[in-house]
Amino acid sequence: MNTASFFRGVGAGAVAGAMLGAMVMSRQDAMKTGVGRTMQRMGNAMDAAWYDFKRAMK
């Protein structure tokens, strides 16, 4: 597995998810909580991806 392409794919997925989340939210107050939830989910996904990457490299 190529490390650069892996991180490029993870980054592209995070950006796409953030854009989709921003498009789905309509009200301003919902936007704030929605962005917070999206940031939390992206952080969790990045942690899980990093954990899987480290396990694959062992």
PDB file of N, CA and C in Angstrom:
ATOM      1  N   MET A   1       0.849  -1.180   0.000  1.00  0.00           N
ATOM      2  CA  MET A   1       0.000   0.000   0.000  1.00  0.00           C
ATOM      3  C   MET A   1       0.888   1.235   0.000  1.00  0.00           C
ATOM      4  N   ASN A   2       0.548   2.186  -0.846  1.00  0.00           N
ATOM      5  CA  ASN A   2       1.287   3.427  -0.944  1.00  0.00           C
ATOM      6  C   ASN A   2       0.771   4.394   0.124  1.00  0.00           C
ATOM      7  N   THR A   3       1.641   4.875   0.973  1.00  0.00           N
ATOM      8  CA  THR A   3       1.248   5.733   2.095  1.00  0.00           C
ATOM      9  C   THR A   3       0.683   7.066   1.627  1.00  0.00           C
ATOM     10  N   ALA A   4       1.294   7.663   0.625  1.00  0.00           N
ATOM     11  CA  ALA A   4       0.835   8.973   0.144  1.00  0.00           C
ATOM     12  C   ALA A   4      -0.571   8.876  -0.426  1.00  0.00           C
ATOM     13  N   SER A   5      -0.839   7.851  -1.201  1.00  0.00           N
ATOM     14  CA  SER A   5      -2.177   7.716  -1.787  1.00  0.00           C
ATOM     15  C   SER A   5      -3.209   7.415  -0.712  1.00  0.00           C
ATOM     16  N   PHE A   6      -2.819   6.683   0.321  1.00  0.00           N
ATOM     17  CA  PHE A   6      -3.730   6.401   1.436  1.00  0.00           C
ATOM     18  C   PHE A   6      -4.153   7.697   2.114  1.00  0.00           C
ATOM     19  N   PHE A   7      -3.174   8.549   2.456  1.00  0.00           N
ATOM     20  CA  PHE A   7      -3.493   9.806   3.132  1.00  0.00           C
ATOM     21  C   PHE A   7      -4.236  10.767   2.211  1.00  0.00           C
ATOM     22  N   ARG A   8      -3.931  10.733   0.922  1.00  0.00           N
ATOM     23  CA  ARG A   8      -4.675  11.553  -0.027  1.00  0.00           C
ATOM     24  C   ARG A   8      -6.138  11.124  -0.072  1.00  0.00           C
ATOM     25  N   GLY A   9      -6.383   9.829  -0.054  1.00  0.00           N
ATOM     26  CA  GLY A   9      -7.753   9.311  -0.067  1.00  0.00           C
ATOM     27  C   GLY A   9      -8.504   9.651   1.201  1.00  0.00           C
ATOM     28  N   VAL A  10      -7.836   9.536   2.339  1.00  0.00           N
ATOM     29  CA  VAL A  10      -8.471   9.889   3.611  1.00  0.00           C
ATOM     30  C   VAL A  10      -8.806  11.372   3.636  1.00  0.00           C
ATOM     31  N   GLY A  11      -7.899  12.199   3.179  1.00  0.00           N
ATOM     32  CA  GLY A  11      -8.144  13.643   3.139  1.00  0.00           C
ATOM     33  C   GLY A  11      -9.283  14.005   2.211  1.00  0.00           C
ATOM     34  N   ALA A  12      -9.322  13.368   1.043  1.00  0.00           N
ATOM     35  CA  ALA A  12     -10.403  13.644   0.087  1.00  0.00           C
ATOM     36  C   ALA A  12     -11.751  13.220   0.666  1.00  0.00           C
ATOM     37  N   GLY A  13     -11.775  12.109   1.366  1.00  0.00           N
ATOM     38  CA  GLY A  13     -13.014  11.659   1.993  1.00  0.00           C
ATOM     39  C   GLY A  13     -13.471  12.598   3.091  1.00  0.00           C
ATOM     40  N   ALA A  14     -12.527  13.110   3.863  1.00  0.00           N
ATOM     41  CA  ALA A  14     -12.872  14.046   4.936  1.00  0.00           C
ATOM     42  C   ALA A  14     -13.436  15.338   4.366  1.00  0.00           C
ATOM     43  N   VAL A  15     -12.824  15.838   3.308  1.00  0.00           N
ATOM     44  CA  VAL A  15     -13.308  17.071   2.673  1.00  0.00           C
ATOM     45  C   VAL A  15     -14.688  16.843   2.072  1.00  0.00           C
ATOM     46  N   ALA A  16     -14.882  15.722   1.395  1.00  0.00           N
ATOM     47  CA  ALA A  16     -16.181  15.428   0.783  1.00  0.00           C
ATOM     48  C   ALA A  16     -17.262  15.298   1.855  1.00  0.00           C
ATOM     49  N   GLY A  17     -16.936  14.648   2.964  1.00  0.00           N
ATOM     50  CA  GLY A  17     -17.901  14.504   4.052  1.00  0.00           C
ATOM     51  C   GLY A  17     -18.265  15.835   4.681  1.00  0.00           C
ATOM     52  N   ALA A  18     -17.286  16.701   4.854  1.00  0.00           N
ATOM     53  CA  ALA A  18     -17.560  18.024   5.421  1.00  0.00           C
ATOM     54  C   ALA A  18     -18.429  18.852   4.485  1.00  0.00           C
ATOM     55  N   MET A  19     -18.160  18.768   3.191  1.00  0.00           N
ATOM     56  CA  MET A  19     -18.968  19.514   2.224  1.00  0.00           C
ATOM     57  C   MET A  19     -20.394  18.992   2.189  1.00  0.00           C
ATOM     58  N   LEU A  20     -20.560  17.688   2.216  1.00  0.00           N
ATOM     59  CA  LEU A  20     -21.897  17.107   2.214  1.00  0.00           C
ATOM     60  C   LEU A  20     -22.649  17.494   3.478  1.00  0.00           C
ATOM     61  N   GLY A  21     -21.975  17.447   4.615  1.00  0.00           N
ATOM     62  CA  GLY A  21     -22.597  17.846   5.868  1.00  0.00           C
ATOM     63  C   GLY A  21     -23.013  19.297   5.861  1.00  0.00           C
ATOM     64  N   ALA A  22     -22.209  20.154   5.267  1.00  0.00           N
ATOM     65  CA  ALA A  22     -22.540  21.573   5.198  1.00  0.00           C
ATOM     66  C   ALA A  22     -23.728  21.812   4.279  1.00  0.00           C
ATOM     67  N   MET A  23     -23.853  21.032   3.216  1.00  0.00           N
ATOM     68  CA  MET A  23     -24.977  21.201   2.304  1.00  0.00           C
ATOM     69  C   MET A  23     -26.283  20.707   2.921  1.00  0.00           C
ATOM     70  N   VAL A  24     -26.216  19.690   3.769  1.00  0.00           N
ATOM     71  CA  VAL A  24     -27.419  19.112   4.356  1.00  0.00           C
ATOM     72  C   VAL A  24     -28.016  20.034   5.412  1.00  0.00           C
ATOM     73  N   MET A  25     -27.193  20.709   6.176  1.00  0.00           N
ATOM     74  CA  MET A  25     -27.685  21.589   7.228  1.00  0.00           C
ATOM     75  C   MET A  25     -28.307  22.842   6.617  1.00  0.00           C
ATOM     76  N   SER A  26     -29.476  23.229   7.122  1.00  0.00           N
ATOM     77  CA  SER A  26     -30.141  24.382   6.533  1.00  0.00           C
ATOM     78  C   SER A  26     -30.156  25.593   7.467  1.00  0.00           C
ATOM     79  N   ARG A  27     -30.473  25.408   8.748  1.00  0.00           N
ATOM     80  CA  ARG A  27     -30.546  26.544   9.664  1.00  0.00           C
ATOM     81  C   ARG A  27     -29.172  26.844  10.252  1.00  0.00           C
ATOM     82  N   GLN A  28     -28.991  28.094  10.698  1.00  0.00           N
ATOM     83  CA  GLN A  28     -27.698  28.524  11.226  1.00  0.00           C
ATOM     84  C   GLN A  28     -27.371  27.801  12.537  1.00  0.00           C
ATOM     85  N   ASP A  29     -28.340  27.681  13.465  1.00  0.00           N
ATOM     86  CA  ASP A  29     -28.062  26.999  14.729  1.00  0.00           C
ATOM     87  C   ASP A  29     -27.840  25.508  14.509  1.00  0.00           C
ATOM     88  N   ALA A  30     -28.552  24.926  13.561  1.00  0.00           N
ATOM     89  CA  ALA A  30     -28.330  23.522  13.225  1.00  0.00           C
ATOM     90  C   ALA A  30     -26.961  23.337  12.592  1.00  0.00           C
ATOM     91  N   MET A  31     -26.513  24.379  11.873  1.00  0.00           N
ATOM     92  CA  MET A  31     -25.201  24.321  11.230  1.00  0.00           C
ATOM     93  C   MET A  31     -24.109  24.182  12.277  1.00  0.00           C
ATOM     94  N   LYS A  32     -24.216  24.941  13.365  1.00  0.00           N
ATOM     95  CA  LYS A  32     -23.179  24.892  14.397  1.00  0.00           C
ATOM     96  C   LYS A  32     -23.100  23.513  15.027  1.00  0.00           C
ATOM     97  N   THR A  33     -24.240  22.936  15.405  1.00  0.00           N
ATOM     98  CA  THR A  33     -24.211  21.612  16.026  1.00  0.00           C
ATOM     99  C   THR A  33     -23.845  20.552  14.994  1.00  0.00           C
ATOM    100  N   GLY A  34     -24.316  20.729  13.758  1.00  0.00           N
ATOM    101  CA  GLY A  34     -23.989  19.771  12.704  1.00  0.00           C
ATOM    102  C   GLY A  34     -22.507  19.757  12.390  1.00  0.00           C
ATOM    103  N   VAL A  35     -21.904  20.934  12.360  1.00  0.00           N
ATOM    104  CA  VAL A  35     -20.464  21.014  12.090  1.00  0.00           C
ATOM    105  C   VAL A  35     -19.691  20.379  13.237  1.00  0.00           C
ATOM    106  N   GLY A  36     -20.143  20.607  14.457  1.00  0.00           N
ATOM    107  CA  GLY A  36     -19.482  19.994  15.608  1.00  0.00           C
ATOM    108  C   GLY A  36     -19.538  18.479  15.553  1.00  0.00           C
ATOM    109  N   ARG A  37     -20.707  17.963  15.201  1.00  0.00           N
ATOM    110  CA  ARG A  37     -20.849  16.507  15.087  1.00  0.00           C
ATOM    111  C   ARG A  37     -20.005  15.965  13.940  1.00  0.00           C
ATOM    112  N   THR A  38     -19.975  16.699  12.830  1.00  0.00           N
ATOM    113  CA  THR A  38     -19.176  16.266  11.689  1.00  0.00           C
ATOM    114  C   THR A  38     -17.696  16.257  12.034  1.00  0.00           C
ATOM    115  N   MET A  39     -17.241  17.283  12.735  1.00  0.00           N
ATOM    116  CA  MET A  39     -15.835  17.335  13.156  1.00  0.00           C
ATOM    117  C   MET A  39     -15.510  16.160  14.085  1.00  0.00           C
ATOM    118  N   GLN A  40     -16.415  15.843  14.998  1.00  0.00           N
ATOM    119  CA  GLN A  40     -16.201  14.715  15.912  1.00  0.00           C
ATOM    120  C   GLN A  40     -16.121  13.406  15.132  1.00  0.00           C
ATOM    121  N   ARG A  41     -17.028  13.221  14.182  1.00  0.00           N
ATOM    122  CA  ARG A  41     -17.017  11.991  13.386  1.00  0.00           C
ATOM    123  C   ARG A  41     -15.758  11.884  12.544  1.00  0.00           C
ATOM    124  N   MET A  42     -15.321  13.007  11.965  1.00  0.00           N
ATOM    125  CA  MET A  42     -14.102  12.984  11.162  1.00  0.00           C
ATOM    126  C   MET A  42     -12.891  12.664  12.038  1.00  0.00           C
ATOM    127  N   GLY A  43     -12.866  13.210  13.244  1.00  0.00           N
ATOM    128  CA  GLY A  43     -11.777  12.897  14.164  1.00  0.00           C
ATOM    129  C   GLY A  43     -11.757  11.426  14.523  1.00  0.00           C
ATOM    130  N   ASN A  44     -12.933  10.874  14.789  1.00  0.00           N
ATOM    131  CA  ASN A  44     -13.019   9.446  15.104  1.00  0.00           C
ATOM    132  C   ASN A  44     -12.593   8.591  13.918  1.00  0.00           C
ATOM    133  N   ALA A  45     -13.004   8.993  12.722  1.00  0.00           N
ATOM    134  CA  ALA A  45     -12.633   8.239  11.528  1.00  0.00           C
ATOM    135  C   ALA A  45     -11.130   8.305  11.284  1.00  0.00           C
ATOM    136  N   MET A  46     -10.539   9.480  11.499  1.00  0.00           N
ATOM    137  CA  MET A  46      -9.091   9.615  11.320  1.00  0.00           C
ATOM    138  C   MET A  46      -8.338   8.765  12.345  1.00  0.00           C
ATOM    139  N   ASP A  47      -8.826   8.746  13.595  1.00  0.00           N
ATOM    140  CA  ASP A  47      -8.193   7.910  14.615  1.00  0.00           C
ATOM    141  C   ASP A  47      -8.270   6.441  14.238  1.00  0.00           C
ATOM    142  N   ALA A  48      -9.441   6.011  13.765  1.00  0.00           N
ATOM    143  CA  ALA A  48      -9.609   4.611  13.377  1.00  0.00           C
ATOM    144  C   ALA A  48      -8.721   4.266  12.180  1.00  0.00           C
ATOM    145  N   ALA A  49      -8.638   5.184  11.205  1.00  0.00           N
ATOM    146  CA  ALA A  49      -7.796   4.935  10.036  1.00  0.00           C
ATOM    147  C   ALA A  49      -6.325   4.852  10.436  1.00  0.00           C
ATOM    148  N   TRP A  50      -5.895   5.718  11.336  1.00  0.00           N
ATOM    149  CA  TRP A  50      -4.502   5.703  11.788  1.00  0.00           C
ATOM    150  C   TRP A  50      -4.196   4.409  12.542  1.00  0.00           C
ATOM    151  N   TYR A  51      -5.145   3.959  13.375  1.00  0.00           N
ATOM    152  CA  TYR A  51      -4.967   2.718  14.121  1.00  0.00           C
ATOM    153  C   TYR A  51      -4.839   1.542  13.145  1.00  0.00           C
ATOM    154  N   ASP A  52      -5.730   1.482  12.136  1.00  0.00           N
ATOM    155  CA  ASP A  52      -5.670   0.415  11.143  1.00  0.00           C
ATOM    156  C   ASP A  52      -4.371   0.468  10.345  1.00  0.00           C
ATOM    157  N   PHE A  53      -3.942   1.671  10.012  1.00  0.00           N
ATOM    158  CA  PHE A  53      -2.682   1.843   9.265  1.00  0.00           C
ATOM    159  C   PHE A  53      -1.513   1.326  10.089  1.00  0.00           C
ATOM    160  N   LYS A  54      -1.465   1.664  11.379  1.00  0.00           N
ATOM    161  CA  LYS A  54      -0.364   1.196  12.226  1.00  0.00           C
ATOM    162  C   LYS A  54      -0.381  -0.314  12.370  1.00  0.00           C
ATOM    163  N   ARG A  55      -1.581  -0.902  12.471  1.00  0.00           N
ATOM    164  CA  ARG A  55      -1.670  -2.361  12.577  1.00  0.00           C
ATOM    165  C   ARG A  55      -1.215  -3.030  11.280  1.00  0.00           C
ATOM    166  N   ALA A  56      -1.535  -2.411  10.146  1.00  0.00           N
ATOM    167  CA  ALA A  56      -1.151  -3.000   8.861  1.00  0.00           C
ATOM    168  C   ALA A  56       0.366  -2.940   8.652  1.00  0.00           C
ATOM    169  N   MET A  57       1.017  -1.941   9.235  1.00  0.00           N
ATOM    170  CA  MET A  57       2.456  -1.797   9.065  1.00  0.00           C
ATOM    171  C   MET A  57       3.275  -2.720   9.970  1.00  0.00           C
ATOM    172  N   LYS A  58       2.644  -3.309  10.956  1.00  0.00           N
ATOM    173  CA  LYS A  58       3.393  -4.213  11.851  1.00  0.00           C
ATOM    174  C   LYS A  58       3.732  -5.503  11.181  1.00  0.00           C
TER     175      LYS A  58
END
